[in-house]
Amino acid sequence: MSKQLPATAIIFVEGAGTNLVPLHPAPWRPIVITFNAELEVIASDGERRVIGAGEVVLVEDTTGKGHITKVLGDKLGLIFVRID
């Protein structure tokens, strides 16, 4: 079990897939939970990661150039939990 983290907001995102979000840093430090989406995340240094449906990721990319996010497939279903 992890230590308790303070959550200040929970945001649900649903929609069509094949979205591309250009290079950006995370606006705040979120935990991202994918419930029916698969995402490809490309870091500013070129590193690529695929995050599958059901995965939970802590995003700490809040400074610098950031990352590109691409939805793979035709569904987008995410939960952002803002932690401070």
N, C-alpha and C. Protein backbone atom coordinates (compact mmCIF):
# COMPACT_ATOMS: atom_id res chain seq x y z
N MET A 1 0.85 -1.16 0.00
CA MET A 1 0.00 0.00 0.00
C MET A 1 0.90 1.23 0.00
N SER A 2 0.52 2.22 -0.80
CA SER A 2 1.31 3.45 -0.85
C SER A 2 0.95 4.34 0.34
N LYS A 3 1.76 5.37 0.51
CA LYS A 3 1.40 6.36 1.51
C LYS A 3 0.20 7.15 1.00
N GLN A 4 -0.51 7.77 1.88
CA GLN A 4 -1.68 8.56 1.52
C GLN A 4 -1.24 9.83 0.82
N LEU A 5 -1.88 10.15 -0.31
CA LEU A 5 -1.57 11.35 -1.07
C LEU A 5 -2.77 12.30 -1.02
N PRO A 6 -2.51 13.61 -0.89
CA PRO A 6 -3.62 14.56 -0.83
C PRO A 6 -4.16 14.85 -2.24
N ALA A 7 -5.40 14.51 -2.50
CA ALA A 7 -6.03 14.80 -3.79
C ALA A 7 -6.85 16.07 -3.67
N THR A 8 -6.67 16.99 -4.64
CA THR A 8 -7.41 18.25 -4.61
C THR A 8 -8.47 18.35 -5.70
N ALA A 9 -8.46 17.42 -6.65
CA ALA A 9 -9.48 17.41 -7.71
C ALA A 9 -9.47 16.05 -8.40
N ILE A 10 -10.63 15.66 -8.90
CA ILE A 10 -10.77 14.47 -9.73
C ILE A 10 -11.49 14.90 -11.00
N ILE A 11 -10.90 14.58 -12.16
CA ILE A 11 -11.46 14.99 -13.44
C ILE A 11 -11.66 13.75 -14.30
N PHE A 12 -12.88 13.57 -14.80
CA PHE A 12 -13.21 12.46 -15.70
C PHE A 12 -13.20 12.99 -17.13
N VAL A 13 -12.55 12.25 -18.03
CA VAL A 13 -12.47 12.65 -19.44
C VAL A 13 -12.94 11.48 -20.30
N GLU A 14 -13.93 11.72 -21.15
CA GLU A 14 -14.41 10.71 -22.08
C GLU A 14 -14.61 11.35 -23.44
N GLY A 15 -14.39 10.58 -24.49
CA GLY A 15 -14.62 11.11 -25.82
C GLY A 15 -14.11 10.16 -26.89
N ALA A 16 -14.02 10.70 -28.09
CA ALA A 16 -13.51 9.93 -29.22
C ALA A 16 -12.00 9.83 -29.14
N GLY A 17 -11.47 8.80 -29.73
CA GLY A 17 -10.02 8.60 -29.72
C GLY A 17 -9.32 9.36 -30.82
N THR A 18 -8.12 8.96 -31.12
CA THR A 18 -7.21 9.54 -32.11
C THR A 18 -6.93 11.01 -31.85
N ASN A 19 -7.02 11.44 -30.61
CA ASN A 19 -6.65 12.80 -30.24
C ASN A 19 -5.14 12.90 -30.11
N LEU A 20 -4.59 14.03 -30.50
CA LEU A 20 -3.17 14.29 -30.34
C LEU A 20 -3.03 15.60 -29.59
N VAL A 21 -2.35 15.56 -28.46
CA VAL A 21 -2.09 16.77 -27.69
C VAL A 21 -0.63 17.13 -27.93
N PRO A 22 -0.34 18.30 -28.55
CA PRO A 22 1.03 18.68 -28.85
C PRO A 22 1.89 18.80 -27.59
N LEU A 23 3.16 18.99 -27.81
CA LEU A 23 4.15 19.07 -26.73
C LEU A 23 3.68 20.02 -25.63
N HIS A 24 3.64 19.52 -24.40
CA HIS A 24 3.16 20.31 -23.26
C HIS A 24 3.64 19.66 -21.96
N PRO A 25 3.92 20.46 -20.93
CA PRO A 25 4.14 19.86 -19.60
C PRO A 25 2.78 19.64 -18.93
N ALA A 26 2.73 18.75 -17.98
CA ALA A 26 1.50 18.57 -17.20
C ALA A 26 1.24 19.86 -16.42
N PRO A 27 0.00 20.34 -16.38
CA PRO A 27 -0.29 21.60 -15.69
C PRO A 27 -0.15 21.50 -14.17
N TRP A 28 -0.24 20.27 -13.66
CA TRP A 28 -0.06 19.97 -12.24
C TRP A 28 0.29 18.50 -12.14
N ARG A 29 0.58 18.03 -10.98
CA ARG A 29 1.03 16.65 -10.77
C ARG A 29 -0.19 15.73 -10.62
N PRO A 30 -0.53 14.97 -11.69
CA PRO A 30 -1.70 14.09 -11.59
C PRO A 30 -1.34 12.61 -11.52
N ILE A 31 -2.24 11.85 -10.97
CA ILE A 31 -2.27 10.42 -11.18
C ILE A 31 -3.26 10.22 -12.32
N VAL A 32 -2.85 9.51 -13.37
CA VAL A 32 -3.72 9.26 -14.52
C VAL A 32 -4.14 7.80 -14.49
N ILE A 33 -5.44 7.57 -14.56
CA ILE A 33 -6.00 6.22 -14.59
C ILE A 33 -6.71 6.07 -15.93
N THR A 34 -6.26 5.13 -16.74
CA THR A 34 -6.91 4.88 -18.03
C THR A 34 -7.92 3.77 -17.85
N PHE A 35 -9.19 4.01 -18.21
CA PHE A 35 -10.16 2.94 -18.01
C PHE A 35 -10.64 2.30 -19.31
N ASN A 36 -10.53 2.95 -20.44
CA ASN A 36 -10.82 2.27 -21.70
C ASN A 36 -10.01 2.86 -22.84
N ALA A 37 -8.88 3.45 -22.52
CA ALA A 37 -8.06 4.09 -23.54
C ALA A 37 -6.65 3.50 -23.51
N GLU A 38 -6.00 3.58 -24.65
CA GLU A 38 -4.59 3.27 -24.73
C GLU A 38 -3.91 4.53 -25.23
N LEU A 39 -2.88 4.97 -24.54
CA LEU A 39 -2.20 6.21 -24.87
C LEU A 39 -0.76 5.95 -25.24
N GLU A 40 -0.25 6.73 -26.18
CA GLU A 40 1.19 6.76 -26.44
C GLU A 40 1.67 8.11 -25.94
N VAL A 41 2.68 8.09 -25.09
CA VAL A 41 3.25 9.31 -24.54
C VAL A 41 4.68 9.40 -25.05
N ILE A 42 5.02 10.54 -25.65
CA ILE A 42 6.35 10.75 -26.22
C ILE A 42 7.00 11.90 -25.47
N ALA A 43 8.09 11.59 -24.76
CA ALA A 43 8.81 12.61 -23.99
C ALA A 43 9.59 13.52 -24.94
N SER A 44 9.98 14.68 -24.45
CA SER A 44 10.70 15.64 -25.29
C SER A 44 12.05 15.11 -25.74
N ASP A 45 12.59 14.08 -25.06
CA ASP A 45 13.85 13.47 -25.49
C ASP A 45 13.63 12.32 -26.48
N GLY A 46 12.37 12.08 -26.88
CA GLY A 46 12.06 11.04 -27.86
C GLY A 46 11.64 9.71 -27.28
N GLU A 47 11.78 9.52 -25.97
CA GLU A 47 11.36 8.26 -25.35
C GLU A 47 9.85 8.10 -25.51
N ARG A 48 9.44 6.88 -25.88
CA ARG A 48 8.02 6.58 -26.10
C ARG A 48 7.56 5.51 -25.13
N ARG A 49 6.35 5.70 -24.61
CA ARG A 49 5.73 4.70 -23.74
C ARG A 49 4.27 4.56 -24.12
N VAL A 50 3.78 3.33 -24.06
CA VAL A 50 2.36 3.08 -24.28
C VAL A 50 1.75 2.74 -22.93
N ILE A 51 0.67 3.43 -22.59
CA ILE A 51 -0.05 3.20 -21.34
C ILE A 51 -1.37 2.53 -21.72
N GLY A 52 -1.57 1.33 -21.23
CA GLY A 52 -2.75 0.55 -21.61
C GLY A 52 -3.94 0.81 -20.71
N ALA A 53 -5.09 0.35 -21.17
CA ALA A 53 -6.32 0.46 -20.39
C ALA A 53 -6.14 -0.22 -19.04
N GLY A 54 -6.58 0.44 -17.99
CA GLY A 54 -6.47 -0.11 -16.64
C GLY A 54 -5.19 0.24 -15.91
N GLU A 55 -4.27 0.92 -16.57
CA GLU A 55 -3.01 1.29 -15.92
C GLU A 55 -3.16 2.59 -15.14
N VAL A 56 -2.30 2.74 -14.15
CA VAL A 56 -2.27 3.92 -13.30
C VAL A 56 -0.86 4.49 -13.36
N VAL A 57 -0.75 5.79 -13.67
CA VAL A 57 0.55 6.43 -13.86
C VAL A 57 0.59 7.74 -13.08
N LEU A 58 1.69 7.97 -12.36
CA LEU A 58 1.93 9.26 -11.72
C LEU A 58 2.74 10.11 -12.69
N VAL A 59 2.21 11.25 -13.08
CA VAL A 59 2.88 12.13 -14.04
C VAL A 59 3.58 13.24 -13.26
N GLU A 60 4.90 13.33 -13.44
CA GLU A 60 5.66 14.36 -12.74
C GLU A 60 6.36 15.30 -13.71
N ASP A 61 5.93 15.28 -14.95
CA ASP A 61 6.50 16.09 -16.02
C ASP A 61 5.83 17.47 -16.01
N THR A 62 6.08 18.26 -14.98
CA THR A 62 5.40 19.55 -14.82
C THR A 62 6.25 20.75 -15.21
N THR A 63 7.49 20.52 -15.59
CA THR A 63 8.37 21.62 -16.02
C THR A 63 9.07 21.21 -17.31
N GLY A 64 9.73 22.15 -17.94
CA GLY A 64 10.46 21.85 -19.17
C GLY A 64 9.53 21.79 -20.37
N LYS A 65 10.01 21.14 -21.44
CA LYS A 65 9.26 21.07 -22.69
C LYS A 65 8.02 20.20 -22.58
N GLY A 66 8.08 19.16 -21.79
CA GLY A 66 6.91 18.31 -21.59
C GLY A 66 6.90 17.08 -22.46
N HIS A 67 5.70 16.72 -22.92
CA HIS A 67 5.50 15.47 -23.65
C HIS A 67 4.34 15.63 -24.64
N ILE A 68 4.26 14.72 -25.59
CA ILE A 68 3.16 14.65 -26.55
C ILE A 68 2.31 13.46 -26.13
N THR A 69 1.00 13.61 -26.19
CA THR A 69 0.09 12.52 -25.85
C THR A 69 -0.77 12.20 -27.06
N LYS A 70 -0.85 10.92 -27.41
CA LYS A 70 -1.68 10.47 -28.53
C LYS A 70 -2.58 9.35 -28.04
N VAL A 71 -3.86 9.46 -28.33
CA VAL A 71 -4.81 8.40 -28.00
C VAL A 71 -4.77 7.38 -29.12
N LEU A 72 -4.52 6.12 -28.78
CA LEU A 72 -4.50 5.04 -29.76
C LEU A 72 -5.87 4.37 -29.75
N GLY A 73 -6.48 4.25 -30.87
CA GLY A 73 -7.80 3.64 -30.92
C GLY A 73 -8.89 4.68 -31.01
N ASP A 74 -10.12 4.22 -30.82
CA ASP A 74 -11.27 5.10 -31.04
C ASP A 74 -11.98 5.54 -29.77
N LYS A 75 -11.40 5.24 -28.60
CA LYS A 75 -12.04 5.62 -27.33
C LYS A 75 -11.05 6.38 -26.46
N LEU A 76 -11.59 7.30 -25.69
CA LEU A 76 -10.79 8.03 -24.70
C LEU A 76 -11.54 7.98 -23.39
N GLY A 77 -10.96 7.36 -22.40
CA GLY A 77 -11.55 7.29 -21.08
C GLY A 77 -10.46 7.37 -20.03
N LEU A 78 -10.37 8.51 -19.35
CA LEU A 78 -9.31 8.76 -18.37
C LEU A 78 -9.89 9.37 -17.11
N ILE A 79 -9.18 9.17 -16.04
CA ILE A 79 -9.45 9.89 -14.79
C ILE A 79 -8.15 10.55 -14.38
N PHE A 80 -8.19 11.86 -14.15
CA PHE A 80 -7.05 12.59 -13.61
C PHE A 80 -7.34 12.86 -12.13
N VAL A 81 -6.41 12.49 -11.28
CA VAL A 81 -6.51 12.81 -9.85
C VAL A 81 -5.38 13.79 -9.56
N ARG A 82 -5.75 15.02 -9.28
CA ARG A 82 -4.74 16.05 -9.00
C ARG A 82 -4.23 15.88 -7.58
N ILE A 83 -2.91 15.76 -7.47
CA ILE A 83 -2.30 15.67 -6.14
C ILE A 83 -1.33 16.83 -5.98
N ASP A 84 -1.21 17.31 -4.78
CA ASP A 84 -0.30 18.43 -4.50
C ASP A 84 0.71 18.06 -3.45
